Amino acid sequence: MAAGDVGALLREMMMVILKIGGPLLAVSLAVGLVVSLIQAATQINEATLIFAPKVLAICVALLLLGPFMRASLFEFTTAMFDRMVAIGGS
């Protein structure tokens, strides 16, 4: 396995990580920002208030984006096993 192959593999791995984790982090960030703005506008300083909307939003995002995330991870895993077989066979 050449250095270029390792670099391409690392790049592909980072893209899969971004595909899987990025949408959930973005949803969590957006919900946290909205709840914080509401808390600032109403002057309610309850620290636990932010957790319920975040959990609900992440659950909805997982339901909607779960098939995409699963497909991305399955495709990457299949490619990795194919590469392992190709390296072992040569």
N, C-alpha and C. Protein backbone atom coordinates (compact mmCIF):
# COMPACT_ATOMS: atom_id res chain seq x y z
N MET A 1 0.85 -1.16 0.00
CA MET A 1 0.00 0.00 0.00
C MET A 1 0.90 1.23 0.00
N ALA A 2 0.75 2.07 -1.00
CA ALA A 2 1.60 3.25 -1.15
C ALA A 2 1.10 4.40 -0.27
N ALA A 3 1.95 5.41 -0.14
CA ALA A 3 1.58 6.57 0.68
C ALA A 3 0.37 7.29 0.11
N GLY A 4 0.26 7.33 -1.21
CA GLY A 4 -0.90 7.96 -1.84
C GLY A 4 -2.19 7.22 -1.54
N ASP A 5 -2.09 5.88 -1.44
CA ASP A 5 -3.27 5.09 -1.09
C ASP A 5 -3.73 5.36 0.34
N VAL A 6 -2.76 5.51 1.23
CA VAL A 6 -3.10 5.79 2.62
C VAL A 6 -3.74 7.17 2.74
N GLY A 7 -3.22 8.15 2.01
CA GLY A 7 -3.79 9.49 2.02
C GLY A 7 -5.22 9.50 1.48
N ALA A 8 -5.44 8.76 0.41
CA ALA A 8 -6.79 8.68 -0.16
C ALA A 8 -7.74 7.98 0.80
N LEU A 9 -7.24 6.96 1.46
CA LEU A 9 -8.06 6.24 2.44
C LEU A 9 -8.43 7.14 3.62
N LEU A 10 -7.48 7.91 4.11
CA LEU A 10 -7.75 8.83 5.21
C LEU A 10 -8.75 9.92 4.79
N ARG A 11 -8.61 10.41 3.58
CA ARG A 11 -9.54 11.42 3.07
C ARG A 11 -10.95 10.86 2.98
N GLU A 12 -11.06 9.65 2.45
CA GLU A 12 -12.37 9.01 2.33
C GLU A 12 -12.97 8.74 3.72
N MET A 13 -12.13 8.34 4.66
CA MET A 13 -12.60 8.09 6.01
C MET A 13 -13.12 9.38 6.66
N MET A 14 -12.41 10.47 6.48
CA MET A 14 -12.86 11.74 7.05
C MET A 14 -14.17 12.21 6.41
N MET A 15 -14.34 11.96 5.14
CA MET A 15 -15.60 12.34 4.48
C MET A 15 -16.77 11.52 5.02
N VAL A 16 -16.54 10.25 5.30
CA VAL A 16 -17.60 9.42 5.88
C VAL A 16 -17.94 9.90 7.28
N ILE A 17 -16.93 10.27 8.04
CA ILE A 17 -17.17 10.80 9.39
C ILE A 17 -18.00 12.07 9.31
N LEU A 18 -17.68 12.95 8.38
CA LEU A 18 -18.46 14.18 8.22
C LEU A 18 -19.88 13.90 7.76
N LYS A 19 -20.05 12.92 6.87
CA LYS A 19 -21.40 12.56 6.41
C LYS A 19 -22.25 12.02 7.54
N ILE A 20 -21.64 11.26 8.43
CA ILE A 20 -22.40 10.63 9.51
C ILE A 20 -22.62 11.59 10.68
N GLY A 21 -21.59 12.28 11.09
CA GLY A 21 -21.69 13.13 12.27
C GLY A 21 -22.10 14.56 12.00
N GLY A 22 -21.82 15.07 10.82
CA GLY A 22 -22.09 16.46 10.51
C GLY A 22 -23.54 16.88 10.63
N PRO A 23 -24.47 16.15 10.03
CA PRO A 23 -25.87 16.57 10.13
C PRO A 23 -26.40 16.58 11.57
N LEU A 24 -26.00 15.62 12.37
CA LEU A 24 -26.45 15.59 13.76
C LEU A 24 -25.87 16.76 14.55
N LEU A 25 -24.61 17.07 14.30
CA LEU A 25 -24.00 18.22 14.97
C LEU A 25 -24.65 19.52 14.54
N ALA A 26 -24.98 19.63 13.26
CA ALA A 26 -25.63 20.85 12.75
C ALA A 26 -27.02 21.02 13.36
N VAL A 27 -27.78 19.93 13.46
CA VAL A 27 -29.11 20.00 14.07
C VAL A 27 -28.99 20.40 15.53
N SER A 28 -28.05 19.79 16.24
CA SER A 28 -27.85 20.11 17.65
C SER A 28 -27.45 21.57 17.83
N LEU A 29 -26.58 22.06 16.97
CA LEU A 29 -26.15 23.45 17.03
C LEU A 29 -27.30 24.40 16.77
N ALA A 30 -28.10 24.11 15.74
CA ALA A 30 -29.23 24.98 15.40
C ALA A 30 -30.27 25.02 16.52
N VAL A 31 -30.60 23.86 17.06
CA VAL A 31 -31.59 23.82 18.15
C VAL A 31 -31.04 24.52 19.39
N GLY A 32 -29.79 24.32 19.70
CA GLY A 32 -29.19 25.01 20.84
C GLY A 32 -29.20 26.51 20.68
N LEU A 33 -28.93 26.98 19.47
CA LEU A 33 -28.94 28.42 19.20
C LEU A 33 -30.34 28.99 19.35
N VAL A 34 -31.34 28.31 18.80
CA VAL A 34 -32.72 28.78 18.90
C VAL A 34 -33.19 28.80 20.36
N VAL A 35 -32.91 27.75 21.09
CA VAL A 35 -33.32 27.69 22.50
C VAL A 35 -32.59 28.77 23.30
N SER A 36 -31.34 28.99 23.01
CA SER A 36 -30.59 30.04 23.72
C SER A 36 -31.16 31.42 23.43
N LEU A 37 -31.54 31.66 22.19
CA LEU A 37 -32.17 32.95 21.85
C LEU A 37 -33.50 33.12 22.57
N ILE A 38 -34.27 32.05 22.64
CA ILE A 38 -35.55 32.11 23.36
C ILE A 38 -35.31 32.35 24.84
N GLN A 39 -34.31 31.68 25.41
CA GLN A 39 -33.99 31.89 26.82
C GLN A 39 -33.52 33.32 27.08
N ALA A 40 -32.76 33.86 26.16
CA ALA A 40 -32.28 35.24 26.34
C ALA A 40 -33.43 36.23 26.21
N ALA A 41 -34.35 35.97 25.30
CA ALA A 41 -35.47 36.89 25.11
C ALA A 41 -36.44 36.85 26.28
N THR A 42 -36.66 35.67 26.85
CA THR A 42 -37.62 35.54 27.95
C THR A 42 -36.95 35.61 29.32
N GLN A 43 -35.65 35.68 29.35
CA GLN A 43 -34.85 35.73 30.58
C GLN A 43 -35.10 34.52 31.49
N ILE A 44 -35.32 33.38 30.88
CA ILE A 44 -35.43 32.12 31.62
C ILE A 44 -34.05 31.48 31.59
N ASN A 45 -33.42 31.37 32.73
CA ASN A 45 -32.06 30.83 32.80
C ASN A 45 -32.06 29.45 33.42
N GLU A 46 -32.77 28.55 32.82
CA GLU A 46 -32.82 27.16 33.29
C GLU A 46 -31.86 26.34 32.45
N ALA A 47 -30.86 25.76 33.08
CA ALA A 47 -29.82 25.03 32.34
C ALA A 47 -30.34 23.74 31.73
N THR A 48 -31.33 23.12 32.36
CA THR A 48 -31.82 21.84 31.86
C THR A 48 -32.84 21.99 30.74
N LEU A 49 -33.29 23.20 30.48
CA LEU A 49 -34.32 23.43 29.47
C LEU A 49 -33.83 23.11 28.06
N ILE A 50 -32.55 23.22 27.83
CA ILE A 50 -32.01 23.04 26.49
C ILE A 50 -31.92 21.57 26.08
N PHE A 51 -31.89 20.65 27.04
CA PHE A 51 -31.65 19.25 26.72
C PHE A 51 -32.84 18.56 26.05
N ALA A 52 -34.04 18.82 26.49
CA ALA A 52 -35.21 18.15 25.91
C ALA A 52 -35.40 18.47 24.43
N PRO A 53 -35.35 19.74 24.01
CA PRO A 53 -35.48 20.01 22.57
C PRO A 53 -34.33 19.42 21.75
N LYS A 54 -33.12 19.43 22.31
CA LYS A 54 -31.98 18.86 21.58
C LYS A 54 -32.14 17.36 21.38
N VAL A 55 -32.54 16.67 22.42
CA VAL A 55 -32.72 15.21 22.32
C VAL A 55 -33.82 14.90 21.32
N LEU A 56 -34.91 15.64 21.38
CA LEU A 56 -36.01 15.42 20.44
C LEU A 56 -35.57 15.70 19.00
N ALA A 57 -34.86 16.78 18.79
CA ALA A 57 -34.40 17.13 17.44
C ALA A 57 -33.41 16.10 16.91
N ILE A 58 -32.52 15.62 17.75
CA ILE A 58 -31.55 14.62 17.30
C ILE A 58 -32.25 13.30 16.98
N CYS A 59 -33.26 12.94 17.78
CA CYS A 59 -34.02 11.72 17.48
C CYS A 59 -34.74 11.84 16.13
N VAL A 60 -35.34 12.99 15.87
CA VAL A 60 -36.01 13.20 14.58
C VAL A 60 -35.00 13.17 13.44
N ALA A 61 -33.85 13.80 13.66
CA ALA A 61 -32.80 13.78 12.62
C ALA A 61 -32.30 12.37 12.37
N LEU A 62 -32.16 11.57 13.42
CA LEU A 62 -31.74 10.18 13.23
C LEU A 62 -32.78 9.38 12.46
N LEU A 63 -34.05 9.63 12.74
CA LEU A 63 -35.10 8.93 12.00
C LEU A 63 -35.09 9.31 10.52
N LEU A 64 -34.87 10.59 10.25
CA LEU A 64 -34.90 11.05 8.85
C LEU A 64 -33.61 10.72 8.11
N LEU A 65 -32.48 10.87 8.77
CA LEU A 65 -31.19 10.70 8.11
C LEU A 65 -30.55 9.33 8.35
N GLY A 66 -31.19 8.49 9.15
CA GLY A 66 -30.64 7.18 9.46
C GLY A 66 -30.34 6.32 8.25
N PRO A 67 -31.28 6.22 7.29
CA PRO A 67 -30.98 5.40 6.11
C PRO A 67 -29.78 5.92 5.30
N PHE A 68 -29.66 7.24 5.18
CA PHE A 68 -28.51 7.82 4.47
C PHE A 68 -27.21 7.51 5.21
N MET A 69 -27.23 7.66 6.52
CA MET A 69 -26.04 7.40 7.32
C MET A 69 -25.65 5.93 7.25
N ARG A 70 -26.64 5.05 7.33
CA ARG A 70 -26.38 3.61 7.24
C ARG A 70 -25.80 3.25 5.88
N ALA A 71 -26.36 3.81 4.83
CA ALA A 71 -25.87 3.52 3.48
C ALA A 71 -24.43 4.00 3.30
N SER A 72 -24.13 5.18 3.82
CA SER A 72 -22.76 5.70 3.71
C SER A 72 -21.77 4.80 4.44
N LEU A 73 -22.13 4.40 5.64
CA LEU A 73 -21.24 3.55 6.42
C LEU A 73 -21.10 2.16 5.79
N PHE A 74 -22.20 1.62 5.28
CA PHE A 74 -22.16 0.32 4.63
C PHE A 74 -21.29 0.35 3.38
N GLU A 75 -21.43 1.41 2.60
CA GLU A 75 -20.62 1.55 1.38
C GLU A 75 -19.13 1.64 1.72
N PHE A 76 -18.79 2.42 2.74
CA PHE A 76 -17.39 2.56 3.15
C PHE A 76 -16.84 1.23 3.67
N THR A 77 -17.63 0.55 4.50
CA THR A 77 -17.18 -0.72 5.06
C THR A 77 -16.97 -1.76 3.97
N THR A 78 -17.89 -1.82 3.02
CA THR A 78 -17.74 -2.75 1.90
C THR A 78 -16.48 -2.45 1.10
N ALA A 79 -16.21 -1.17 0.86
CA ALA A 79 -15.00 -0.79 0.12
C ALA A 79 -13.74 -1.19 0.90
N MET A 80 -13.78 -1.03 2.23
CA MET A 80 -12.62 -1.40 3.04
C MET A 80 -12.37 -2.91 3.00
N PHE A 81 -13.43 -3.70 3.11
CA PHE A 81 -13.25 -5.15 3.04
C PHE A 81 -12.78 -5.59 1.65
N ASP A 82 -13.27 -4.93 0.60
CA ASP A 82 -12.77 -5.23 -0.74
C ASP A 82 -11.29 -4.91 -0.87
N ARG A 83 -10.86 -3.79 -0.28
CA ARG A 83 -9.45 -3.45 -0.32
C ARG A 83 -8.59 -4.44 0.48
N MET A 84 -9.12 -4.89 1.62
CA MET A 84 -8.38 -5.88 2.41
C MET A 84 -8.20 -7.18 1.64
N VAL A 85 -9.24 -7.61 0.94
CA VAL A 85 -9.15 -8.82 0.15
C VAL A 85 -8.17 -8.63 -0.99
N ALA A 86 -8.19 -7.45 -1.63
CA ALA A 86 -7.27 -7.20 -2.75
C ALA A 86 -5.82 -7.17 -2.27
N ILE A 87 -5.58 -6.60 -1.11
CA ILE A 87 -4.21 -6.54 -0.59
C ILE A 87 -3.73 -7.92 -0.17
N GLY A 88 -4.61 -8.67 0.47
CA GLY A 88 -4.25 -10.02 0.94
C GLY A 88 -4.05 -10.99 -0.22
N GLY A 89 -4.73 -10.76 -1.32
CA GLY A 89 -4.65 -11.69 -2.44
C GLY A 89 -3.42 -11.48 -3.31
N SER A 90 -2.73 -10.33 -3.16
CA SER A 90 -1.59 -10.08 -4.05
C SER A 90 -0.27 -10.47 -3.44
